[in-house]
Amino acid sequence: MDEITQLPSSEKLQPILAELGRLCGATIELRPDSLIEESGTCAATAVARAPQGPSTVGRHDMLVKLFIAEDEGGPCEWALLFHYIDDRLVSPPGYHYVELMRKKSNGEVVWKNMGWKTDEYGEWSELGNLELGSDW
């Protein structure tokens, strides 16, 4: 069994967010009070903020929705990455986020890019503009 699956949900997220941060080249921080746990499933929101300072391109921030669920094959872990330039969601036409799946392969953890995904059910429609207040 993966040592992460034995931790309480809030502690499970920290190493996973650190892995994602290394993968994306950013520091990803858990949003305070975003952890939701129910029936063996854990969900949380995190953010990677661009460094402050002038930019000729714009500020690139990421909002991360992280999920952990248990199924008959063991833990299933995935992340949805929403990309923002100057607080506006950016993605290819018809798509909304990138999905990454966390898997163990030959004893090592790997993240598989599942590609750009569409918001089929409109559950992420409120994420069109990113407003990172002081609670981040």
N, C-alpha and C. Protein backbone atom coordinates (compact mmCIF):
# COMPACT_ATOMS: atom_id res chain seq x y z
N MET A 1 0.85 -1.18 0.00
CA MET A 1 0.00 0.00 0.00
C MET A 1 0.89 1.24 0.00
N ASP A 2 0.53 2.23 -0.76
CA ASP A 2 1.25 3.51 -0.85
C ASP A 2 1.20 4.19 0.51
N GLU A 3 2.35 4.66 0.99
CA GLU A 3 2.40 5.30 2.31
C GLU A 3 1.50 6.53 2.39
N ILE A 4 1.24 7.19 1.28
CA ILE A 4 0.37 8.37 1.28
C ILE A 4 -1.06 7.98 1.63
N THR A 5 -1.53 6.81 1.19
CA THR A 5 -2.92 6.41 1.44
C THR A 5 -3.17 6.16 2.92
N GLN A 6 -2.13 5.98 3.72
CA GLN A 6 -2.30 5.72 5.14
C GLN A 6 -2.41 6.99 5.97
N LEU A 7 -2.19 8.13 5.38
CA LEU A 7 -2.23 9.40 6.10
C LEU A 7 -3.65 9.96 6.14
N PRO A 8 -3.95 10.85 7.13
CA PRO A 8 -5.21 11.58 7.07
C PRO A 8 -5.24 12.41 5.79
N SER A 9 -6.43 12.69 5.29
CA SER A 9 -6.58 13.35 3.99
C SER A 9 -5.80 14.64 3.85
N SER A 10 -5.85 15.50 4.87
CA SER A 10 -5.14 16.78 4.76
C SER A 10 -3.64 16.57 4.59
N GLU A 11 -3.09 15.55 5.24
CA GLU A 11 -1.66 15.26 5.12
C GLU A 11 -1.33 14.53 3.82
N LYS A 12 -2.29 13.82 3.24
CA LYS A 12 -2.08 13.15 1.96
C LYS A 12 -1.80 14.16 0.86
N LEU A 13 -2.44 15.31 0.97
CA LEU A 13 -2.38 16.30 -0.10
C LEU A 13 -1.03 16.99 -0.22
N GLN A 14 -0.34 17.20 0.88
CA GLN A 14 0.90 17.96 0.84
C GLN A 14 1.96 17.34 -0.08
N PRO A 15 2.27 16.04 0.04
CA PRO A 15 3.27 15.48 -0.88
C PRO A 15 2.78 15.46 -2.33
N ILE A 16 1.49 15.29 -2.52
CA ILE A 16 0.94 15.29 -3.88
C ILE A 16 1.05 16.69 -4.49
N LEU A 17 0.75 17.72 -3.71
CA LEU A 17 0.89 19.09 -4.19
C LEU A 17 2.35 19.43 -4.47
N ALA A 18 3.26 18.91 -3.64
CA ALA A 18 4.69 19.14 -3.88
C ALA A 18 5.13 18.48 -5.19
N GLU A 19 4.65 17.27 -5.45
CA GLU A 19 4.94 16.61 -6.73
C GLU A 19 4.43 17.42 -7.91
N LEU A 20 3.19 17.86 -7.80
CA LEU A 20 2.60 18.67 -8.87
C LEU A 20 3.37 19.96 -9.07
N GLY A 21 3.79 20.57 -7.98
CA GLY A 21 4.57 21.80 -8.07
C GLY A 21 5.87 21.61 -8.83
N ARG A 22 6.57 20.51 -8.52
CA ARG A 22 7.81 20.20 -9.24
C ARG A 22 7.52 19.95 -10.72
N LEU A 23 6.45 19.26 -11.00
CA LEU A 23 6.06 18.96 -12.38
C LEU A 23 5.74 20.23 -13.16
N CYS A 24 5.07 21.18 -12.50
CA CYS A 24 4.63 22.42 -13.16
C CYS A 24 5.63 23.57 -13.02
N GLY A 25 6.66 23.38 -12.20
CA GLY A 25 7.63 24.45 -11.99
C GLY A 25 7.07 25.59 -11.18
N ALA A 26 6.21 25.26 -10.21
CA ALA A 26 5.57 26.30 -9.39
C ALA A 26 5.37 25.78 -7.98
N THR A 27 5.20 26.70 -7.05
CA THR A 27 4.82 26.33 -5.69
C THR A 27 3.30 26.36 -5.62
N ILE A 28 2.73 25.22 -5.28
CA ILE A 28 1.27 25.11 -5.22
C ILE A 28 0.86 25.04 -3.76
N GLU A 29 -0.01 25.95 -3.36
CA GLU A 29 -0.41 26.04 -1.96
C GLU A 29 -1.88 25.69 -1.80
N LEU A 30 -2.14 24.89 -0.79
CA LEU A 30 -3.51 24.49 -0.47
C LEU A 30 -4.32 25.70 -0.03
N ARG A 31 -5.52 25.84 -0.54
CA ARG A 31 -6.39 26.93 -0.12
C ARG A 31 -6.94 26.59 1.27
N PRO A 32 -6.86 27.56 2.19
CA PRO A 32 -7.36 27.30 3.55
C PRO A 32 -8.84 26.89 3.53
N ASP A 33 -9.15 25.89 4.31
CA ASP A 33 -10.53 25.41 4.48
C ASP A 33 -11.18 24.88 3.20
N SER A 34 -10.37 24.43 2.22
CA SER A 34 -10.98 23.91 0.99
C SER A 34 -11.16 22.40 1.00
N LEU A 35 -10.64 21.73 2.00
CA LEU A 35 -10.68 20.27 2.05
C LEU A 35 -12.10 19.77 2.28
N ILE A 36 -12.54 18.86 1.41
CA ILE A 36 -13.85 18.22 1.55
C ILE A 36 -13.62 16.72 1.56
N GLU A 37 -14.15 16.05 2.58
CA GLU A 37 -14.03 14.60 2.68
C GLU A 37 -15.42 14.00 2.81
N GLU A 38 -15.65 12.93 2.01
CA GLU A 38 -16.94 12.26 2.11
C GLU A 38 -16.85 10.90 1.44
N SER A 39 -17.26 9.88 2.13
CA SER A 39 -17.34 8.51 1.61
C SER A 39 -16.06 8.05 0.90
N GLY A 40 -14.93 8.18 1.54
CA GLY A 40 -13.68 7.71 0.96
C GLY A 40 -13.10 8.59 -0.14
N THR A 41 -13.70 9.74 -0.35
CA THR A 41 -13.21 10.67 -1.37
C THR A 41 -12.75 11.95 -0.69
N CYS A 42 -11.68 12.51 -1.20
CA CYS A 42 -11.13 13.75 -0.67
C CYS A 42 -10.96 14.71 -1.85
N ALA A 43 -11.35 15.96 -1.67
CA ALA A 43 -11.17 16.99 -2.70
C ALA A 43 -10.67 18.25 -2.03
N ALA A 44 -9.84 19.00 -2.76
CA ALA A 44 -9.31 20.26 -2.23
C ALA A 44 -8.96 21.18 -3.38
N THR A 45 -8.82 22.44 -3.05
CA THR A 45 -8.44 23.46 -4.03
C THR A 45 -7.10 24.05 -3.61
N ALA A 46 -6.25 24.26 -4.60
CA ALA A 46 -4.94 24.86 -4.35
C ALA A 46 -4.66 25.86 -5.46
N VAL A 47 -3.65 26.69 -5.24
CA VAL A 47 -3.33 27.71 -6.23
C VAL A 47 -1.83 27.86 -6.36
N ALA A 48 -1.39 28.12 -7.58
CA ALA A 48 0.00 28.48 -7.85
C ALA A 48 -0.03 29.90 -8.37
N ARG A 49 0.52 30.81 -7.62
CA ARG A 49 0.52 32.22 -8.01
C ARG A 49 1.83 32.57 -8.68
N ALA A 50 1.72 33.37 -9.71
CA ALA A 50 2.93 33.86 -10.39
C ALA A 50 3.66 34.82 -9.46
N PRO A 51 4.98 34.89 -9.56
CA PRO A 51 5.72 35.86 -8.76
C PRO A 51 5.25 37.28 -9.07
N GLN A 52 5.22 38.11 -8.06
CA GLN A 52 4.82 39.51 -8.27
C GLN A 52 5.94 40.26 -8.98
N GLY A 53 5.56 41.18 -9.79
CA GLY A 53 6.55 41.98 -10.51
C GLY A 53 6.08 42.25 -11.92
N PRO A 54 6.76 43.15 -12.60
CA PRO A 54 6.33 43.49 -13.95
C PRO A 54 6.56 42.33 -14.92
N SER A 55 5.67 42.21 -15.87
CA SER A 55 5.78 41.17 -16.89
C SER A 55 5.31 41.73 -18.21
N THR A 56 5.99 41.37 -19.26
CA THR A 56 5.56 41.82 -20.59
C THR A 56 4.49 40.91 -21.16
N VAL A 57 4.35 39.72 -20.60
CA VAL A 57 3.38 38.76 -21.11
C VAL A 57 2.09 38.77 -20.30
N GLY A 58 2.17 38.91 -19.04
CA GLY A 58 1.02 38.84 -18.14
C GLY A 58 1.33 37.87 -17.02
N ARG A 59 0.52 37.88 -16.00
CA ARG A 59 0.73 37.01 -14.84
C ARG A 59 0.02 35.68 -15.07
N HIS A 60 0.75 34.57 -14.96
CA HIS A 60 0.19 33.24 -15.14
C HIS A 60 -0.01 32.60 -13.77
N ASP A 61 -1.28 32.38 -13.42
CA ASP A 61 -1.63 31.69 -12.18
C ASP A 61 -2.31 30.38 -12.56
N MET A 62 -2.31 29.43 -11.62
CA MET A 62 -3.01 28.17 -11.82
C MET A 62 -3.90 27.89 -10.62
N LEU A 63 -5.09 27.44 -10.89
CA LEU A 63 -5.98 26.93 -9.86
C LEU A 63 -5.99 25.42 -10.03
N VAL A 64 -5.79 24.69 -8.94
CA VAL A 64 -5.72 23.23 -8.99
C VAL A 64 -6.85 22.64 -8.16
N LYS A 65 -7.62 21.77 -8.76
CA LYS A 65 -8.63 20.98 -8.05
C LYS A 65 -8.04 19.58 -7.93
N LEU A 66 -7.78 19.14 -6.71
CA LEU A 66 -7.12 17.87 -6.45
C LEU A 66 -8.12 16.90 -5.85
N PHE A 67 -8.10 15.65 -6.34
CA PHE A 67 -9.06 14.64 -5.89
C PHE A 67 -8.34 13.34 -5.55
N ILE A 68 -8.79 12.69 -4.47
CA ILE A 68 -8.31 11.38 -4.07
C ILE A 68 -9.55 10.54 -3.79
N ALA A 69 -9.63 9.39 -4.41
CA ALA A 69 -10.77 8.49 -4.18
C ALA A 69 -10.24 7.07 -4.05
N GLU A 70 -10.93 6.27 -3.28
CA GLU A 70 -10.59 4.85 -3.15
C GLU A 70 -11.54 4.06 -4.03
N ASP A 71 -10.97 3.12 -4.79
CA ASP A 71 -11.82 2.20 -5.54
C ASP A 71 -11.27 0.79 -5.36
N GLU A 72 -11.85 -0.18 -6.03
CA GLU A 72 -11.43 -1.57 -5.83
C GLU A 72 -9.96 -1.81 -6.17
N GLY A 73 -9.38 -0.98 -7.00
CA GLY A 73 -7.98 -1.11 -7.37
C GLY A 73 -7.04 -0.33 -6.47
N GLY A 74 -7.57 0.35 -5.46
CA GLY A 74 -6.74 1.16 -4.58
C GLY A 74 -7.02 2.63 -4.80
N PRO A 75 -6.09 3.49 -4.38
CA PRO A 75 -6.35 4.93 -4.50
C PRO A 75 -6.29 5.40 -5.95
N CYS A 76 -7.15 6.33 -6.25
CA CYS A 76 -7.17 6.99 -7.55
C CYS A 76 -6.98 8.47 -7.27
N GLU A 77 -5.95 9.09 -7.85
CA GLU A 77 -5.62 10.47 -7.56
C GLU A 77 -5.49 11.23 -8.87
N TRP A 78 -6.14 12.40 -8.94
CA TRP A 78 -6.06 13.20 -10.15
C TRP A 78 -6.19 14.68 -9.81
N ALA A 79 -5.77 15.50 -10.76
CA ALA A 79 -5.82 16.94 -10.57
C ALA A 79 -6.34 17.59 -11.86
N LEU A 80 -7.11 18.64 -11.68
CA LEU A 80 -7.56 19.48 -12.78
C LEU A 80 -6.82 20.80 -12.66
N LEU A 81 -6.15 21.22 -13.72
CA LEU A 81 -5.38 22.47 -13.71
C LEU A 81 -6.06 23.49 -14.59
N PHE A 82 -6.47 24.59 -13.97
CA PHE A 82 -7.08 25.72 -14.67
C PHE A 82 -6.01 26.80 -14.78
N HIS A 83 -5.75 27.27 -15.99
CA HIS A 83 -4.69 28.26 -16.24
C HIS A 83 -5.30 29.64 -16.46
N TYR A 84 -4.67 30.63 -15.84
CA TYR A 84 -5.16 32.01 -15.92
C TYR A 84 -4.03 32.93 -16.33
N ILE A 85 -4.34 33.86 -17.20
CA ILE A 85 -3.44 34.96 -17.52
C ILE A 85 -4.18 36.23 -17.08
N ASP A 86 -3.54 37.00 -16.19
CA ASP A 86 -4.15 38.22 -15.66
C ASP A 86 -5.58 37.97 -15.19
N ASP A 87 -5.78 36.90 -14.43
CA ASP A 87 -7.04 36.54 -13.78
C ASP A 87 -8.14 36.03 -14.71
N ARG A 88 -7.86 35.82 -15.99
CA ARG A 88 -8.86 35.29 -16.93
C ARG A 88 -8.46 33.89 -17.35
N LEU A 89 -9.44 32.98 -17.32
CA LEU A 89 -9.20 31.60 -17.72
C LEU A 89 -8.76 31.55 -19.17
N VAL A 90 -7.68 30.82 -19.44
CA VAL A 90 -7.20 30.63 -20.81
C VAL A 90 -7.12 29.14 -21.11
N SER A 91 -7.56 28.78 -22.30
CA SER A 91 -7.53 27.39 -22.74
C SER A 91 -7.81 27.37 -24.24
N PRO A 92 -7.52 26.26 -24.89
CA PRO A 92 -7.88 26.17 -26.30
C PRO A 92 -9.41 26.27 -26.46
N PRO A 93 -9.88 26.74 -27.59
CA PRO A 93 -11.34 26.86 -27.80
C PRO A 93 -12.06 25.53 -27.53
N GLY A 94 -13.13 25.62 -26.74
CA GLY A 94 -13.93 24.45 -26.42
C GLY A 94 -13.44 23.64 -25.23
N TYR A 95 -12.31 24.02 -24.65
CA TYR A 95 -11.75 23.30 -23.51
C TYR A 95 -11.65 24.22 -22.31
N HIS A 96 -11.44 23.61 -21.12
CA HIS A 96 -11.43 24.42 -19.90
C HIS A 96 -10.25 24.15 -18.97
N TYR A 97 -9.77 22.92 -18.91
CA TYR A 97 -8.71 22.58 -17.96
C TYR A 97 -7.90 21.40 -18.48
N VAL A 98 -6.73 21.20 -17.87
CA VAL A 98 -5.89 20.05 -18.15
C VAL A 98 -6.09 19.05 -17.02
N GLU A 99 -6.26 17.79 -17.36
CA GLU A 99 -6.40 16.74 -16.35
C GLU A 99 -5.11 15.93 -16.27
N LEU A 100 -4.65 15.73 -15.04
CA LEU A 100 -3.47 14.91 -14.78
C LEU A 100 -3.88 13.77 -13.85
N MET A 101 -3.41 12.56 -14.15
CA MET A 101 -3.68 11.38 -13.31
C MET A 101 -2.38 10.95 -12.65
N ARG A 102 -2.43 10.64 -11.36
CA ARG A 102 -1.26 10.17 -10.61
C ARG A 102 -1.33 8.66 -10.52
N LYS A 103 -0.28 8.00 -10.98
CA LYS A 103 -0.22 6.54 -10.97
C LYS A 103 1.11 6.07 -10.42
N LYS A 104 1.11 4.86 -9.90
CA LYS A 104 2.37 4.22 -9.51
C LYS A 104 2.74 3.27 -10.63
N SER A 105 3.99 3.37 -11.07
CA SER A 105 4.49 2.51 -12.14
C SER A 105 5.89 2.03 -11.76
N ASN A 106 6.05 0.72 -11.65
CA ASN A 106 7.34 0.13 -11.27
C ASN A 106 7.87 0.73 -9.98
N GLY A 107 6.98 0.93 -9.01
CA GLY A 107 7.39 1.45 -7.70
C GLY A 107 7.61 2.95 -7.65
N GLU A 108 7.44 3.65 -8.78
CA GLU A 108 7.62 5.10 -8.81
C GLU A 108 6.31 5.78 -9.14
N VAL A 109 6.15 6.98 -8.64
CA VAL A 109 4.96 7.77 -8.93
C VAL A 109 5.17 8.52 -10.23
N VAL A 110 4.19 8.45 -11.11
CA VAL A 110 4.23 9.20 -12.36
C VAL A 110 2.90 9.93 -12.54
N TRP A 111 2.99 11.10 -13.15
CA TRP A 111 1.80 11.86 -13.48
C TRP A 111 1.58 11.74 -14.99
N LYS A 112 0.39 11.35 -15.39
CA LYS A 112 0.09 11.23 -16.81
C LYS A 112 -0.82 12.37 -17.22
N ASN A 113 -0.41 13.08 -18.27
CA ASN A 113 -1.21 14.18 -18.80
C ASN A 113 -2.32 13.59 -19.64
N MET A 114 -3.56 13.79 -19.21
CA MET A 114 -4.72 13.27 -19.92
C MET A 114 -5.24 14.26 -20.96
N GLY A 115 -4.58 15.41 -21.03
CA GLY A 115 -4.93 16.40 -22.04
C GLY A 115 -5.95 17.43 -21.57
N TRP A 116 -6.28 18.31 -22.48
CA TRP A 116 -7.28 19.34 -22.22
C TRP A 116 -8.66 18.69 -22.21
N LYS A 117 -9.49 19.12 -21.25
CA LYS A 117 -10.83 18.56 -21.10
C LYS A 117 -11.86 19.68 -21.15
N THR A 118 -13.05 19.29 -21.52
CA THR A 118 -14.16 20.23 -21.59
C THR A 118 -14.98 20.14 -20.31
N ASP A 119 -15.62 21.20 -19.90
CA ASP A 119 -16.49 21.23 -18.71
C ASP A 119 -17.89 20.79 -19.16
N GLU A 120 -18.06 19.47 -19.36
CA GLU A 120 -19.30 18.92 -19.92
C GLU A 120 -20.56 19.31 -19.15
N TYR A 121 -20.47 19.35 -17.84
CA TYR A 121 -21.65 19.56 -17.00
C TYR A 121 -21.74 20.97 -16.42
N GLY A 122 -20.82 21.86 -16.79
CA GLY A 122 -20.85 23.23 -16.31
C GLY A 122 -20.52 23.38 -14.84
N GLU A 123 -19.91 22.36 -14.24
CA GLU A 123 -19.62 22.43 -12.81
C GLU A 123 -18.51 23.40 -12.47
N TRP A 124 -17.71 23.80 -13.46
CA TRP A 124 -16.61 24.72 -13.20
C TRP A 124 -16.87 26.09 -13.82
N SER A 125 -18.09 26.38 -14.20
CA SER A 125 -18.40 27.63 -14.92
C SER A 125 -18.07 28.88 -14.10
N GLU A 126 -18.09 28.79 -12.79
CA GLU A 126 -17.79 29.96 -11.96
C GLU A 126 -16.30 30.28 -11.92
N LEU A 127 -15.48 29.45 -12.57
CA LEU A 127 -14.03 29.65 -12.52
C LEU A 127 -13.50 30.43 -13.72
N GLY A 128 -14.35 31.13 -14.45
CA GLY A 128 -13.93 31.89 -15.62
C GLY A 128 -12.97 33.03 -15.29
N ASN A 129 -13.17 33.63 -14.13
CA ASN A 129 -12.27 34.70 -13.67
C ASN A 129 -11.73 34.30 -12.31
N LEU A 130 -10.47 34.51 -12.12
CA LEU A 130 -9.82 34.13 -10.87
C LEU A 130 -9.64 35.36 -10.02
N GLU A 131 -10.21 35.32 -8.84
CA GLU A 131 -10.05 36.45 -7.92
C GLU A 131 -9.35 35.90 -6.68
N LEU A 132 -8.06 36.12 -6.63
CA LEU A 132 -7.26 35.65 -5.51
C LEU A 132 -7.20 36.73 -4.44
N GLY A 133 -8.03 36.58 -3.46
CA GLY A 133 -8.04 37.55 -2.38
C GLY A 133 -6.99 37.24 -1.34
N SER A 134 -7.05 37.93 -0.25
CA SER A 134 -6.05 37.77 0.80
C SER A 134 -6.17 36.42 1.52
N ASP A 135 -7.29 35.69 1.32
CA ASP A 135 -7.45 34.39 1.96
C ASP A 135 -6.66 33.29 1.27
N TRP A 136 -5.97 33.62 0.20
CA TRP A 136 -5.13 32.64 -0.48
C TRP A 136 -3.80 32.66 0.16
